């Protein structure tokens, strides 16, 4: 019998939301995550306000107002809040924080993040008399919202960087419960593990999968396959296995749900596709802060490399094929 132990998994019955009673949560950043988490928390009984930039320059103000939230400038929202929950993109956080948040924080407040990037790499240094916590649902905003509406939730994690009150973990868990994550489970970890694990995942899993799809499509088209067939094989086919694998595990999927041809292909040729040495190198670069440095530099320069890649990819044969494919075969 396997006796290995998992980390503590917090679920609804483990979390008391009374710690949020009478407290105001100010969500700073009303994008994909901001909207989803704000609406979930409100429907869980939490008093939520939204902090936004100049109304004339930021559409988030009008979006949050249309969704029924009280919206204030970021400075006003911070002053009114007990918990300041920052949901801005990582490189955009430091200037907003130092221009509109830092000087308005007061002792006893909680500063909360959905990713530990700014705190771990020191682009934000909170005052020492407040709690600093993290809660992140492991999925995009629309999925977090839909799962909540369906009565479920999305796995998440919480972390504490500063615990002045002695209740920082309880606050982070209460936020996680309000957003819906403890319906399925949330785990506690360090800011470092959450941040670098996320950075590594996005480079290797997301980056690797997307580039694998692009490469497979290009090779098939180059060798004479119809574009629609190549697109279906490179993109759409993966849908058919991910949910099954998540539901029953890799081995059960391979031995019970996949064909024997598929099983042999996976075990025989799959390892040849993976460059484990390069994956280890990316992991070490992530832990050394090299990825964070490169991303902060890219952002500070106006994202020239990223913008060029966006243009190139948007105009690629695969993307154009995808538009036609979705029109003809549906989403």
Protein backbone atom coordinates (compact mmCIF):
# COMPACT_ATOMS: atom_id res chain seq x y z
CA UNK A 1 0.00 0.00 0.00
CA UNK A 2 1.32 3.44 -0.92
CA UNK A 3 1.81 5.41 2.29
CA UNK A 4 3.18 8.64 0.86
CA UNK A 5 1.62 11.76 2.36
CA UNK A 6 0.30 14.76 0.49
CA UNK A 7 0.54 18.30 1.74
CA UNK A 8 -2.44 19.60 3.71
CA UNK A 9 -5.37 20.20 1.36
CA UNK A 10 -7.77 22.83 2.67
CA UNK A 11 -11.43 22.45 1.79
CA UNK A 12 -14.56 24.40 2.67
CA UNK A 13 -15.03 22.67 6.01
CA UNK A 14 -11.48 23.65 7.06
CA UNK A 15 -11.97 27.38 6.48
CA UNK A 16 -13.87 29.93 8.57
CA UNK A 17 -14.86 32.99 6.56
CA UNK A 18 -15.82 34.97 9.67
CA UNK A 19 -12.40 36.58 9.54
CA UNK A 20 -13.73 38.59 6.58
CA UNK A 21 -16.87 39.73 8.39
CA UNK A 22 -17.17 43.51 8.35
CA UNK A 23 -14.05 43.85 6.21
CA UNK A 24 -13.77 45.49 2.82
CA UNK A 25 -11.76 43.87 0.04
CA UNK A 26 -10.48 46.28 -2.59
CA UNK A 27 -9.70 44.54 -5.85
CA UNK A 28 -7.06 46.43 -7.81
CA UNK A 29 -7.19 45.44 -11.47
CA UNK A 30 -10.51 44.50 -13.07
CA UNK A 31 -9.31 42.28 -15.87
CA UNK A 32 -9.99 38.60 -16.43
CA UNK A 33 -9.03 37.51 -12.91
CA UNK A 34 -10.22 40.71 -11.27
CA UNK A 35 -13.74 40.39 -12.60
CA UNK A 36 -14.03 36.67 -11.83
CA UNK A 37 -12.69 36.88 -8.30
CA UNK A 38 -14.66 40.04 -7.48
CA UNK A 39 -17.95 38.51 -8.57
CA UNK A 40 -17.29 35.21 -6.80
CA UNK A 41 -16.34 36.94 -3.55
CA UNK A 42 -19.40 39.19 -3.69
CA UNK A 43 -21.69 36.21 -4.20
CA UNK A 44 -19.99 34.55 -1.21
CA UNK A 45 -21.05 37.47 0.97
CA UNK A 46 -17.81 39.48 0.97
CA UNK A 47 -17.93 43.27 0.69
CA UNK A 48 -15.94 44.04 -2.46
CA UNK A 49 -15.02 47.38 -4.00
CA UNK A 50 -12.90 47.97 -7.09
CA UNK A 51 -9.94 50.30 -7.46
CA UNK A 52 -9.30 51.56 -10.98
CA UNK A 53 -7.18 54.13 -12.73
CA UNK A 54 -8.41 57.33 -14.35
CA UNK A 55 -11.91 56.69 -15.70
CA UNK A 56 -11.09 58.48 -18.94
CA UNK A 57 -8.18 56.14 -19.67
CA UNK A 58 -9.27 52.82 -18.18
CA UNK A 59 -12.29 50.90 -19.44
CA UNK A 60 -12.17 48.72 -16.31
CA UNK A 61 -13.93 51.50 -14.40
CA UNK A 62 -17.03 51.30 -16.59
CA UNK A 63 -16.93 47.49 -16.71
CA UNK A 64 -16.86 47.20 -12.92
CA UNK A 65 -19.62 49.80 -12.57
CA UNK A 66 -21.77 47.91 -15.09
CA UNK A 67 -21.27 44.77 -12.98
CA UNK A 68 -22.68 46.59 -9.96
CA UNK A 69 -19.51 47.34 -8.01
CA UNK A 70 -18.63 50.55 -6.23
CA UNK A 71 -15.56 51.85 -8.06
CA UNK A 72 -13.01 54.29 -6.70
CA UNK A 73 -9.62 55.57 -7.67
CA UNK A 74 -6.93 53.18 -6.51
CA UNK A 75 -5.86 55.60 -3.77
CA UNK A 76 -9.42 55.88 -2.44
CA UNK A 77 -9.99 52.14 -2.61
CA UNK A 78 -6.83 51.43 -0.60
CA UNK A 79 -7.90 53.90 2.09
CA UNK A 80 -11.36 52.31 2.36
CA UNK A 81 -10.13 48.72 2.38
CA UNK A 82 -9.04 46.27 5.02
CA UNK A 83 -7.66 43.90 2.38
CA UNK A 84 -6.02 45.17 -0.82
CA UNK A 85 -6.10 42.40 -3.42
CA UNK A 86 -3.79 43.21 -6.36
CA UNK A 87 -4.74 41.54 -9.64
CA UNK A 88 -2.71 43.59 -12.11
CA UNK A 89 -0.22 42.04 -14.52
CA UNK A 90 3.14 41.40 -12.86
CA UNK A 91 5.37 44.00 -14.56
CA UNK A 92 2.63 46.63 -14.32
CA UNK A 93 2.32 46.27 -10.56
CA UNK A 94 5.38 48.20 -9.24
CA UNK A 95 4.60 51.64 -10.77
CA UNK A 96 0.94 51.42 -9.75
CA UNK A 97 1.89 50.20 -6.29
CA UNK A 98 4.37 53.00 -5.60
CA UNK A 99 2.26 55.71 -7.20
CA UNK A 100 -1.12 54.83 -5.71
CA UNK A 101 -0.94 52.14 -3.01
CA UNK A 102 2.19 52.10 -0.86
CA UNK A 103 1.81 55.48 0.84
CA UNK A 104 -1.86 54.83 1.64
CA UNK A 105 -1.38 51.49 3.39
CA UNK A 106 -1.84 51.50 7.14
CA UNK A 107 -0.85 49.16 9.94
CA UNK A 108 -3.12 46.14 10.26
CA UNK A 109 -4.17 45.94 6.64
CA UNK A 110 -3.61 42.91 4.43
CA UNK A 111 -1.90 43.17 1.05
CA UNK A 112 -2.87 40.25 -1.14
CA UNK A 113 -1.58 39.07 -4.51
CA UNK A 114 -2.60 36.45 -7.07
CA UNK A 115 1.04 35.74 -8.00
CA UNK A 116 4.17 36.19 -5.92
CA UNK A 117 6.32 37.64 -8.72
CA UNK A 118 6.63 41.24 -7.49
CA UNK A 119 7.28 40.30 -3.86
CA UNK A 120 9.70 37.46 -4.59
CA UNK A 121 11.82 39.51 -6.98
CA UNK A 122 11.66 42.66 -4.86
CA UNK A 123 9.97 44.97 -7.35
CA UNK A 124 7.43 45.59 -4.56
CA UNK A 125 8.56 45.88 -0.93
CA UNK A 126 5.53 46.14 1.36
CA UNK A 127 5.75 47.91 4.73
CA UNK A 128 6.56 45.68 7.67
CA UNK A 129 3.40 46.40 9.68
CA UNK A 130 0.90 44.65 7.39
CA UNK A 131 0.10 41.07 6.46
CA UNK A 132 1.24 40.01 2.99
CA UNK A 133 -0.51 37.00 1.49
CA UNK A 134 -1.22 35.32 -1.80
CA UNK A 135 -4.15 33.45 -3.26
CA UNK A 136 -4.18 32.13 -6.81
CA UNK A 137 -6.74 29.91 -8.53
CA UNK A 138 -4.98 27.55 -10.90
CA UNK A 139 -6.77 28.65 -14.05
CA UNK A 140 -7.89 31.67 -16.09
CA UNK A 141 -10.53 34.09 -14.86
CA UNK A 142 -13.44 32.91 -17.04
CA UNK A 143 -12.89 29.30 -15.90
CA UNK A 144 -12.70 30.38 -12.26
CA UNK A 145 -16.00 32.22 -12.69
CA UNK A 146 -17.79 29.45 -14.56
CA UNK A 147 -16.69 26.76 -12.13
CA UNK A 148 -18.05 28.85 -9.26
CA UNK A 149 -21.37 29.39 -11.03
CA UNK A 150 -21.61 25.65 -11.66
CA UNK A 151 -21.29 25.00 -7.93
CA UNK A 152 -17.73 23.77 -8.17
CA UNK A 153 -14.39 25.54 -8.04
CA UNK A 154 -10.87 25.49 -9.35
CA UNK A 155 -7.85 24.19 -7.43
CA UNK A 156 -5.78 26.96 -5.88
CA UNK A 157 -2.94 27.78 -3.54
CA UNK A 158 -2.33 30.23 -0.72
CA UNK A 159 0.83 31.64 0.75
CA UNK A 160 1.99 33.97 3.51
CA UNK A 161 5.02 36.24 3.23
CA UNK A 162 4.36 38.44 6.29
CA UNK A 163 2.18 37.47 9.23
CA UNK A 164 1.95 40.48 11.50
CA UNK A 165 -1.57 39.77 12.77
CA UNK A 166 -1.05 36.08 13.41
CA UNK A 167 -4.05 35.39 11.16
CA UNK A 168 -2.56 35.87 7.72
CA UNK A 169 -3.07 32.27 6.59
CA UNK A 170 -6.68 32.34 7.79
CA UNK A 171 -7.27 35.49 5.71
CA UNK A 172 -5.73 33.97 2.59
CA UNK A 173 -7.80 30.81 3.01
CA UNK A 174 -10.98 32.83 3.51
CA UNK A 175 -10.33 34.62 0.22
CA UNK A 176 -9.73 31.25 -1.43
CA UNK A 177 -13.03 29.96 -0.06
CA UNK A 178 -14.90 33.08 -1.17
CA UNK A 179 -13.57 32.64 -4.72
CA UNK A 180 -14.54 28.95 -4.67
CA UNK A 181 -11.19 27.17 -4.62
CA UNK A 182 -11.65 25.33 -1.34
CA UNK A 183 -14.70 23.60 -2.82
CA UNK A 184 -12.18 21.35 -4.56
CA UNK A 185 -9.01 22.10 -2.61
CA UNK A 186 -6.33 24.67 -1.88
CA UNK A 187 -2.79 24.08 -0.62
CA UNK A 188 -0.36 26.31 1.25
CA UNK A 189 3.10 26.92 -0.16
CA UNK A 190 5.83 29.53 -0.18
CA UNK A 191 5.85 32.62 -2.37
CA UNK A 192 8.95 31.21 -4.08
CA UNK A 193 7.40 27.88 -4.96
CA UNK A 194 4.17 29.46 -6.24
CA UNK A 195 5.98 32.05 -8.34
CA UNK A 196 8.74 29.94 -9.82
CA UNK A 197 6.48 26.91 -10.24
CA UNK A 198 4.07 29.09 -12.21
CA UNK A 199 6.84 30.63 -14.29
CA UNK A 200 8.24 27.17 -15.04
CA UNK A 201 4.81 25.79 -15.94
CA UNK A 202 4.15 28.60 -18.41
CA UNK A 203 7.50 28.17 -20.12
CA UNK A 204 7.59 24.37 -20.32
CA UNK A 205 4.00 23.15 -20.27
CA UNK A 206 2.22 25.99 -22.05
CA UNK A 207 5.18 27.00 -24.18
CA UNK A 208 6.16 23.43 -24.98
CA UNK A 209 2.62 22.34 -25.85
CA UNK A 210 1.91 25.31 -28.11
CA UNK A 211 5.22 25.00 -29.94
CA UNK A 212 4.65 21.25 -30.27
CA UNK A 213 1.30 21.97 -31.92
CA UNK A 214 2.81 24.54 -34.27
CA UNK A 215 5.69 22.28 -35.25
CA UNK A 216 3.44 19.29 -35.87
CA UNK A 217 1.12 21.36 -38.06
CA UNK A 218 3.98 22.82 -40.09
CA UNK A 219 5.60 19.43 -40.69
CA UNK A 220 2.35 17.83 -41.82
CA UNK A 221 1.49 20.70 -44.20
CA UNK A 222 5.04 20.76 -45.57
CA UNK A 223 4.69 17.07 -46.37
CA UNK A 224 1.47 17.47 -48.31
CA UNK A 225 -1.31 16.90 -45.78
CA UNK A 226 -4.51 18.98 -46.14
CA UNK A 227 -4.40 22.00 -43.86
CA UNK A 228 -7.74 21.17 -42.22
CA UNK A 229 -6.54 17.67 -41.34
CA UNK A 230 -3.20 18.92 -40.04
CA UNK A 231 -4.93 21.54 -37.90
CA UNK A 232 -7.37 19.00 -36.45
CA UNK A 233 -4.53 16.62 -35.59
CA UNK A 234 -2.22 19.27 -34.16
CA UNK A 235 -4.79 21.30 -32.20
CA UNK A 236 -8.20 19.74 -31.77
CA UNK A 237 -7.11 16.16 -31.02
CA UNK A 238 -5.57 17.09 -27.68
CA UNK A 239 -9.00 18.02 -26.37
CA UNK A 240 -10.06 14.38 -26.55
CA UNK A 241 -7.42 13.14 -24.12
CA UNK A 242 -6.83 15.88 -21.52
CA UNK A 243 -10.12 15.50 -19.66
CA UNK A 244 -9.79 11.71 -19.69
CA UNK A 245 -6.26 11.83 -18.30
CA UNK A 246 -7.28 14.31 -15.61
CA UNK A 247 -10.22 12.10 -14.65
CA UNK A 248 -8.54 8.69 -14.45
CA UNK A 249 -4.76 9.24 -14.63
CA UNK A 250 -2.25 8.59 -17.39
CA UNK A 251 -1.84 4.84 -16.91
CA UNK A 252 -5.56 4.08 -16.75
CA UNK A 253 -6.10 6.21 -19.83
CA UNK A 254 -3.38 4.43 -21.78
CA UNK A 255 -4.36 0.90 -20.79
CA UNK A 256 -8.15 1.24 -20.66
CA UNK A 257 -9.27 4.10 -22.89
CA UNK A 258 -6.65 4.54 -25.61
CA UNK A 259 -6.12 2.10 -28.46
CA UNK A 260 -3.16 -0.28 -28.25
CA UNK A 261 -1.63 1.53 -31.22
CA UNK A 262 -1.90 4.80 -29.32
CA UNK A 263 -0.43 3.25 -26.17
CA UNK A 264 2.55 1.86 -28.09
CA UNK A 265 3.09 5.19 -29.86
CA UNK A 266 3.08 7.08 -26.55
CA UNK A 267 5.50 4.74 -24.81
CA UNK A 268 7.78 4.14 -27.79
CA UNK A 269 8.11 7.53 -29.48
CA UNK A 270 6.89 10.04 -26.90
CA UNK A 271 10.20 10.28 -25.01
CA UNK A 272 12.00 11.22 -28.24
CA UNK A 273 9.94 14.42 -28.44
CA UNK A 274 11.01 15.61 -24.99
CA UNK A 275 14.36 17.28 -24.35
CA UNK A 276 14.77 16.66 -20.61
CA UNK A 277 18.17 18.35 -20.54
CA UNK A 278 16.67 21.56 -21.90
CA UNK A 279 13.75 21.33 -19.46
CA UNK A 280 16.22 21.07 -16.57
CA UNK A 281 18.08 24.08 -17.93
CA UNK A 282 14.88 26.14 -18.05
CA UNK A 283 14.10 25.07 -14.47
CA UNK A 284 17.51 26.22 -13.24
CA UNK A 285 17.20 29.52 -15.13
CA UNK A 286 13.80 30.06 -13.54
CA UNK A 287 15.13 29.44 -10.04
CA UNK A 288 18.10 31.73 -10.72
CA UNK A 289 15.74 34.57 -11.64
CA UNK A 290 16.90 34.70 -15.26
CA UNK A 291 13.40 34.33 -16.67
CA UNK A 292 12.09 37.07 -14.36
CA UNK A 293 14.94 39.39 -15.35
CA UNK A 294 14.36 38.80 -19.05
CA UNK A 295 10.62 39.40 -18.74
CA UNK A 296 11.02 42.59 -16.68
CA UNK A 297 13.55 43.91 -19.21
CA UNK A 298 11.28 43.03 -22.14
CA UNK A 299 8.33 44.80 -20.49
CA UNK A 300 10.39 47.88 -19.62
CA UNK A 301 11.42 48.24 -23.29
CA UNK A 302 7.81 48.20 -24.47
CA UNK A 303 7.72 44.46 -25.31
CA UNK A 304 9.38 44.75 -28.78
CA UNK A 305 10.21 41.04 -29.06
CA UNK A 306 6.79 39.97 -27.81
CA UNK A 307 4.99 42.34 -30.16
CA UNK A 308 6.97 41.10 -33.13
CA UNK A 309 6.21 37.48 -32.25
CA UNK A 310 2.53 38.36 -31.90
CA UNK A 311 2.47 39.83 -35.42
CA UNK A 312 4.39 36.92 -36.90
CA UNK A 313 2.20 34.29 -35.28
CA UNK A 314 -1.06 36.08 -36.10
CA UNK A 315 -0.13 36.13 -39.76
CA UNK A 316 1.07 32.51 -39.81
CA UNK A 317 -0.47 29.86 -42.02
CA UNK A 318 -1.59 27.89 -39.00
CA UNK A 319 -3.54 30.79 -37.48
CA UNK A 320 -5.26 31.58 -40.76
CA UNK A 321 -6.15 27.90 -41.16
CA UNK A 322 -7.50 27.86 -37.62
CA UNK A 323 -9.92 30.71 -38.33
CA UNK A 324 -11.34 28.88 -41.33
CA UNK A 325 -11.39 25.55 -39.48
CA UNK A 326 -13.42 26.96 -36.57
CA UNK A 327 -15.89 28.57 -38.96
CA UNK A 328 -16.47 25.28 -40.75
CA UNK A 329 -16.28 22.80 -37.88
CA UNK A 330 -17.29 24.91 -34.89
CA UNK A 331 -15.60 25.63 -31.60
